[in-house]
Amino acid sequence: VMHLAAQGAGTPQQQFDALGLSFDLVRTQYRMSEEWVRKFLGCDELAQVRSGRATPREWYKVCGSLVWFAYATRRPLCHAPCALSFLRRAAGQVTERKEFWD
């Protein structure tokens, strides 16, 4: 992590963003970056999924983002019944239509 913080600027940074995460080396903490959250909540794919007109590709992108968020923040999906319900519904939608990626 220090290697990432030291790249480019010449002096190591105490706080920086990488891979959708915000790192604070002083407090030894990390969290999802505000930019990542804003980008995810405003993405076209999420809007399509919410409207019920999503393609399999859009479902996969939203599901992948949800799984990444759970993994990166160390929050098991079993503690998020709404997220599990969404993933179950997404799998059903793709399976029922028997569609491919695009």
N, C-alpha and C. Protein backbone atom coordinates (compact mmCIF):
# COMPACT_ATOMS: atom_id res chain seq x y z
N VAL A 1 0.83 -1.19 0.00
CA VAL A 1 0.00 0.00 0.00
C VAL A 1 0.88 1.25 0.00
N MET A 2 1.97 1.26 0.76
CA MET A 2 2.86 2.42 0.75
C MET A 2 3.43 2.65 -0.63
N HIS A 3 3.67 1.56 -1.37
CA HIS A 3 4.19 1.70 -2.72
C HIS A 3 3.21 2.51 -3.58
N LEU A 4 1.91 2.21 -3.46
CA LEU A 4 0.91 2.96 -4.22
C LEU A 4 0.89 4.42 -3.80
N ALA A 5 1.04 4.68 -2.50
CA ALA A 5 0.98 6.05 -2.00
C ALA A 5 2.20 6.85 -2.44
N ALA A 6 3.32 6.19 -2.63
CA ALA A 6 4.55 6.90 -2.95
C ALA A 6 4.73 7.15 -4.44
N GLN A 7 3.91 6.53 -5.28
CA GLN A 7 4.09 6.69 -6.71
C GLN A 7 3.80 8.12 -7.16
N GLY A 8 4.66 8.64 -7.97
CA GLY A 8 4.39 9.88 -8.66
C GLY A 8 4.69 11.16 -7.91
N ALA A 9 4.21 11.36 -6.73
CA ALA A 9 4.28 12.66 -6.06
C ALA A 9 5.66 12.96 -5.48
N GLY A 10 6.48 11.97 -5.24
CA GLY A 10 7.78 12.21 -4.65
C GLY A 10 7.77 12.03 -3.14
N THR A 11 6.75 12.50 -2.48
CA THR A 11 6.63 12.26 -1.04
C THR A 11 5.40 11.39 -0.79
N PRO A 12 5.50 10.44 0.12
CA PRO A 12 4.36 9.56 0.38
C PRO A 12 3.14 10.35 0.87
N GLN A 13 1.99 9.96 0.42
CA GLN A 13 0.74 10.57 0.86
C GLN A 13 0.18 9.76 2.03
N GLN A 14 -0.47 10.45 2.93
CA GLN A 14 -1.08 9.77 4.07
C GLN A 14 -2.49 9.28 3.75
N GLN A 15 -3.12 9.91 2.76
CA GLN A 15 -4.46 9.50 2.33
C GLN A 15 -4.49 9.48 0.80
N PHE A 16 -5.09 8.43 0.25
CA PHE A 16 -5.19 8.33 -1.21
C PHE A 16 -6.28 7.34 -1.58
N ASP A 17 -6.69 7.38 -2.84
CA ASP A 17 -7.71 6.48 -3.37
C ASP A 17 -7.07 5.55 -4.38
N ALA A 18 -7.48 4.28 -4.34
CA ALA A 18 -7.03 3.29 -5.33
C ALA A 18 -8.06 2.17 -5.37
N LEU A 19 -8.37 1.68 -6.57
CA LEU A 19 -9.28 0.56 -6.76
C LEU A 19 -10.65 0.77 -6.13
N GLY A 20 -11.10 2.02 -6.10
CA GLY A 20 -12.41 2.31 -5.53
C GLY A 20 -12.42 2.41 -4.02
N LEU A 21 -11.24 2.40 -3.41
CA LEU A 21 -11.12 2.48 -1.96
C LEU A 21 -10.36 3.75 -1.57
N SER A 22 -10.71 4.31 -0.42
CA SER A 22 -9.97 5.44 0.15
C SER A 22 -9.15 4.90 1.32
N PHE A 23 -7.85 5.13 1.26
CA PHE A 23 -6.95 4.65 2.31
C PHE A 23 -6.49 5.81 3.18
N ASP A 24 -6.47 5.60 4.48
CA ASP A 24 -5.94 6.56 5.44
C ASP A 24 -4.84 5.84 6.20
N LEU A 25 -3.58 6.13 5.87
CA LEU A 25 -2.46 5.41 6.46
C LEU A 25 -2.19 5.83 7.90
N VAL A 26 -2.59 7.03 8.27
CA VAL A 26 -2.39 7.49 9.65
C VAL A 26 -3.30 6.70 10.58
N ARG A 27 -4.55 6.59 10.21
CA ARG A 27 -5.53 5.86 11.05
C ARG A 27 -5.55 4.37 10.75
N THR A 28 -4.78 3.93 9.77
CA THR A 28 -4.79 2.55 9.28
C THR A 28 -6.21 2.07 8.99
N GLN A 29 -6.93 2.86 8.21
CA GLN A 29 -8.30 2.54 7.83
C GLN A 29 -8.47 2.65 6.32
N TYR A 30 -9.47 1.97 5.83
CA TYR A 30 -9.87 2.14 4.44
C TYR A 30 -11.38 2.03 4.36
N ARG A 31 -11.95 2.60 3.31
CA ARG A 31 -13.39 2.54 3.06
C ARG A 31 -13.60 2.74 1.57
N MET A 32 -14.83 2.51 1.13
CA MET A 32 -15.14 2.75 -0.27
C MET A 32 -15.00 4.25 -0.52
N SER A 33 -14.39 4.61 -1.63
CA SER A 33 -14.21 6.03 -1.93
C SER A 33 -15.55 6.65 -2.29
N GLU A 34 -15.71 7.90 -1.94
CA GLU A 34 -16.94 8.61 -2.26
C GLU A 34 -17.17 8.65 -3.77
N GLU A 35 -16.08 8.77 -4.53
CA GLU A 35 -16.20 8.80 -5.99
C GLU A 35 -16.76 7.49 -6.52
N TRP A 36 -16.29 6.35 -5.98
CA TRP A 36 -16.78 5.04 -6.42
C TRP A 36 -18.27 4.90 -6.12
N VAL A 37 -18.67 5.28 -4.91
CA VAL A 37 -20.07 5.17 -4.51
C VAL A 37 -20.94 6.06 -5.40
N ARG A 38 -20.50 7.30 -5.63
CA ARG A 38 -21.24 8.23 -6.48
C ARG A 38 -21.36 7.68 -7.92
N LYS A 39 -20.26 7.12 -8.42
CA LYS A 39 -20.25 6.56 -9.77
C LYS A 39 -21.19 5.35 -9.86
N PHE A 40 -21.17 4.49 -8.86
CA PHE A 40 -22.04 3.31 -8.86
C PHE A 40 -23.51 3.71 -8.77
N LEU A 41 -23.84 4.60 -7.86
CA LEU A 41 -25.24 4.99 -7.67
C LEU A 41 -25.79 5.75 -8.88
N GLY A 42 -24.91 6.37 -9.66
CA GLY A 42 -25.35 7.13 -10.82
C GLY A 42 -25.18 6.42 -12.14
N CYS A 43 -24.73 5.15 -12.11
CA CYS A 43 -24.44 4.46 -13.37
C CYS A 43 -25.72 4.10 -14.11
N ASP A 44 -25.62 4.12 -15.43
CA ASP A 44 -26.76 3.79 -16.29
C ASP A 44 -27.27 2.37 -16.06
N GLU A 45 -26.34 1.45 -15.78
CA GLU A 45 -26.73 0.05 -15.58
C GLU A 45 -27.66 -0.09 -14.37
N LEU A 46 -27.35 0.61 -13.30
CA LEU A 46 -28.20 0.53 -12.11
C LEU A 46 -29.58 1.09 -12.40
N ALA A 47 -29.63 2.17 -13.17
CA ALA A 47 -30.93 2.75 -13.55
C ALA A 47 -31.74 1.76 -14.38
N GLN A 48 -31.08 1.06 -15.29
CA GLN A 48 -31.77 0.07 -16.12
C GLN A 48 -32.29 -1.09 -15.28
N VAL A 49 -31.48 -1.54 -14.32
CA VAL A 49 -31.91 -2.64 -13.44
C VAL A 49 -33.11 -2.20 -12.62
N ARG A 50 -33.05 -1.00 -12.09
CA ARG A 50 -34.17 -0.48 -11.29
C ARG A 50 -35.44 -0.35 -12.12
N SER A 51 -35.31 -0.04 -13.40
CA SER A 51 -36.49 0.15 -14.26
C SER A 51 -37.06 -1.18 -14.75
N GLY A 52 -36.28 -2.26 -14.59
CA GLY A 52 -36.74 -3.57 -15.05
C GLY A 52 -36.44 -3.85 -16.51
N ARG A 53 -35.63 -3.00 -17.16
CA ARG A 53 -35.31 -3.17 -18.58
C ARG A 53 -33.83 -3.49 -18.81
N ALA A 54 -33.19 -4.08 -17.84
CA ALA A 54 -31.75 -4.32 -17.94
C ALA A 54 -31.41 -5.52 -18.81
N THR A 55 -30.32 -5.41 -19.53
CA THR A 55 -29.77 -6.54 -20.29
C THR A 55 -28.95 -7.39 -19.32
N PRO A 56 -28.61 -8.62 -19.70
CA PRO A 56 -27.75 -9.43 -18.83
C PRO A 56 -26.44 -8.73 -18.49
N ARG A 57 -25.85 -8.03 -19.46
CA ARG A 57 -24.59 -7.32 -19.19
C ARG A 57 -24.78 -6.30 -18.07
N GLU A 58 -25.89 -5.59 -18.09
CA GLU A 58 -26.16 -4.58 -17.05
C GLU A 58 -26.37 -5.25 -15.70
N TRP A 59 -27.09 -6.38 -15.69
CA TRP A 59 -27.26 -7.13 -14.44
C TRP A 59 -25.90 -7.56 -13.89
N TYR A 60 -25.05 -8.09 -14.77
CA TYR A 60 -23.75 -8.57 -14.31
C TYR A 60 -22.89 -7.44 -13.75
N LYS A 61 -22.93 -6.29 -14.38
CA LYS A 61 -22.13 -5.17 -13.88
C LYS A 61 -22.60 -4.73 -12.50
N VAL A 62 -23.91 -4.63 -12.32
CA VAL A 62 -24.45 -4.22 -11.02
C VAL A 62 -24.15 -5.29 -9.96
N CYS A 63 -24.35 -6.55 -10.31
CA CYS A 63 -24.06 -7.63 -9.36
C CYS A 63 -22.58 -7.67 -9.00
N GLY A 64 -21.71 -7.49 -9.99
CA GLY A 64 -20.27 -7.47 -9.73
C GLY A 64 -19.88 -6.34 -8.81
N SER A 65 -20.49 -5.18 -9.01
CA SER A 65 -20.20 -4.03 -8.13
C SER A 65 -20.67 -4.30 -6.71
N LEU A 66 -21.81 -4.94 -6.58
CA LEU A 66 -22.33 -5.28 -5.26
C LEU A 66 -21.41 -6.27 -4.54
N VAL A 67 -20.97 -7.28 -5.26
CA VAL A 67 -20.06 -8.27 -4.68
C VAL A 67 -18.72 -7.62 -4.33
N TRP A 68 -18.20 -6.75 -5.20
CA TRP A 68 -16.95 -6.05 -4.90
C TRP A 68 -17.08 -5.20 -3.64
N PHE A 69 -18.19 -4.49 -3.51
CA PHE A 69 -18.42 -3.67 -2.32
C PHE A 69 -18.41 -4.54 -1.06
N ALA A 70 -19.11 -5.67 -1.10
CA ALA A 70 -19.15 -6.57 0.06
C ALA A 70 -17.76 -7.10 0.39
N TYR A 71 -17.03 -7.50 -0.63
CA TYR A 71 -15.68 -8.04 -0.42
C TYR A 71 -14.72 -6.98 0.10
N ALA A 72 -14.72 -5.83 -0.55
CA ALA A 72 -13.75 -4.78 -0.19
C ALA A 72 -13.99 -4.20 1.20
N THR A 73 -15.24 -4.19 1.64
CA THR A 73 -15.56 -3.64 2.96
C THR A 73 -15.69 -4.73 4.02
N ARG A 74 -15.43 -5.96 3.63
CA ARG A 74 -15.48 -7.10 4.55
C ARG A 74 -16.84 -7.23 5.21
N ARG A 75 -17.89 -7.04 4.40
CA ARG A 75 -19.27 -7.18 4.87
C ARG A 75 -19.88 -8.39 4.17
N PRO A 76 -20.06 -9.47 4.88
CA PRO A 76 -20.63 -10.68 4.25
C PRO A 76 -22.02 -10.41 3.69
N LEU A 77 -22.27 -10.91 2.51
CA LEU A 77 -23.59 -10.73 1.89
C LEU A 77 -24.69 -11.42 2.69
N CYS A 78 -24.34 -12.41 3.52
CA CYS A 78 -25.38 -13.09 4.30
C CYS A 78 -25.99 -12.14 5.33
N HIS A 79 -25.34 -11.03 5.62
CA HIS A 79 -25.87 -10.04 6.55
C HIS A 79 -26.66 -8.95 5.82
N ALA A 80 -26.84 -9.12 4.53
CA ALA A 80 -27.56 -8.13 3.72
C ALA A 80 -28.65 -8.84 2.92
N PRO A 81 -29.79 -9.14 3.55
CA PRO A 81 -30.83 -9.89 2.85
C PRO A 81 -31.34 -9.20 1.59
N CYS A 82 -31.36 -7.89 1.57
CA CYS A 82 -31.80 -7.19 0.36
C CYS A 82 -30.83 -7.45 -0.79
N ALA A 83 -29.53 -7.45 -0.50
CA ALA A 83 -28.53 -7.71 -1.53
C ALA A 83 -28.65 -9.15 -2.04
N LEU A 84 -28.85 -10.09 -1.13
CA LEU A 84 -29.00 -11.48 -1.55
C LEU A 84 -30.27 -11.67 -2.39
N SER A 85 -31.33 -11.00 -2.01
CA SER A 85 -32.57 -11.07 -2.77
C SER A 85 -32.36 -10.51 -4.18
N PHE A 86 -31.62 -9.41 -4.26
CA PHE A 86 -31.32 -8.81 -5.56
C PHE A 86 -30.52 -9.77 -6.43
N LEU A 87 -29.48 -10.40 -5.85
CA LEU A 87 -28.65 -11.33 -6.61
C LEU A 87 -29.48 -12.54 -7.06
N ARG A 88 -30.37 -13.03 -6.21
CA ARG A 88 -31.23 -14.16 -6.58
C ARG A 88 -32.15 -13.77 -7.73
N ARG A 89 -32.72 -12.59 -7.64
CA ARG A 89 -33.62 -12.11 -8.70
C ARG A 89 -32.84 -11.92 -10.01
N ALA A 90 -31.63 -11.39 -9.90
CA ALA A 90 -30.80 -11.18 -11.10
C ALA A 90 -30.50 -12.50 -11.77
N ALA A 91 -30.13 -13.51 -10.99
CA ALA A 91 -29.83 -14.82 -11.56
C ALA A 91 -31.07 -15.39 -12.24
N GLY A 92 -32.21 -15.22 -11.61
CA GLY A 92 -33.46 -15.72 -12.19
C GLY A 92 -33.81 -15.03 -13.49
N GLN A 93 -33.62 -13.73 -13.55
CA GLN A 93 -33.94 -12.97 -14.77
C GLN A 93 -33.10 -13.45 -15.93
N VAL A 94 -31.82 -13.63 -15.70
CA VAL A 94 -30.91 -14.04 -16.78
C VAL A 94 -31.22 -15.48 -17.19
N THR A 95 -31.48 -16.34 -16.20
CA THR A 95 -31.75 -17.75 -16.50
C THR A 95 -33.07 -17.92 -17.23
N GLU A 96 -34.11 -17.21 -16.80
CA GLU A 96 -35.42 -17.35 -17.42
C GLU A 96 -35.41 -16.93 -18.88
N ARG A 97 -34.68 -15.88 -19.18
CA ARG A 97 -34.64 -15.39 -20.56
C ARG A 97 -33.74 -16.22 -21.45
N LYS A 98 -32.87 -17.00 -20.83
CA LYS A 98 -31.88 -17.80 -21.56
C LYS A 98 -31.08 -16.95 -22.54
N GLU A 99 -30.71 -15.78 -22.05
CA GLU A 99 -29.93 -14.86 -22.88
C GLU A 99 -28.45 -15.03 -22.61
N PHE A 100 -27.67 -14.55 -23.56
CA PHE A 100 -26.24 -14.56 -23.39
C PHE A 100 -25.79 -13.20 -22.91
N TRP A 101 -24.49 -12.99 -22.88
CA TRP A 101 -23.91 -11.76 -22.32
C TRP A 101 -24.53 -10.51 -22.92
N ASP A 102 -24.65 -10.42 -24.22
CA ASP A 102 -25.18 -9.21 -24.87
C ASP A 102 -26.60 -9.41 -25.33
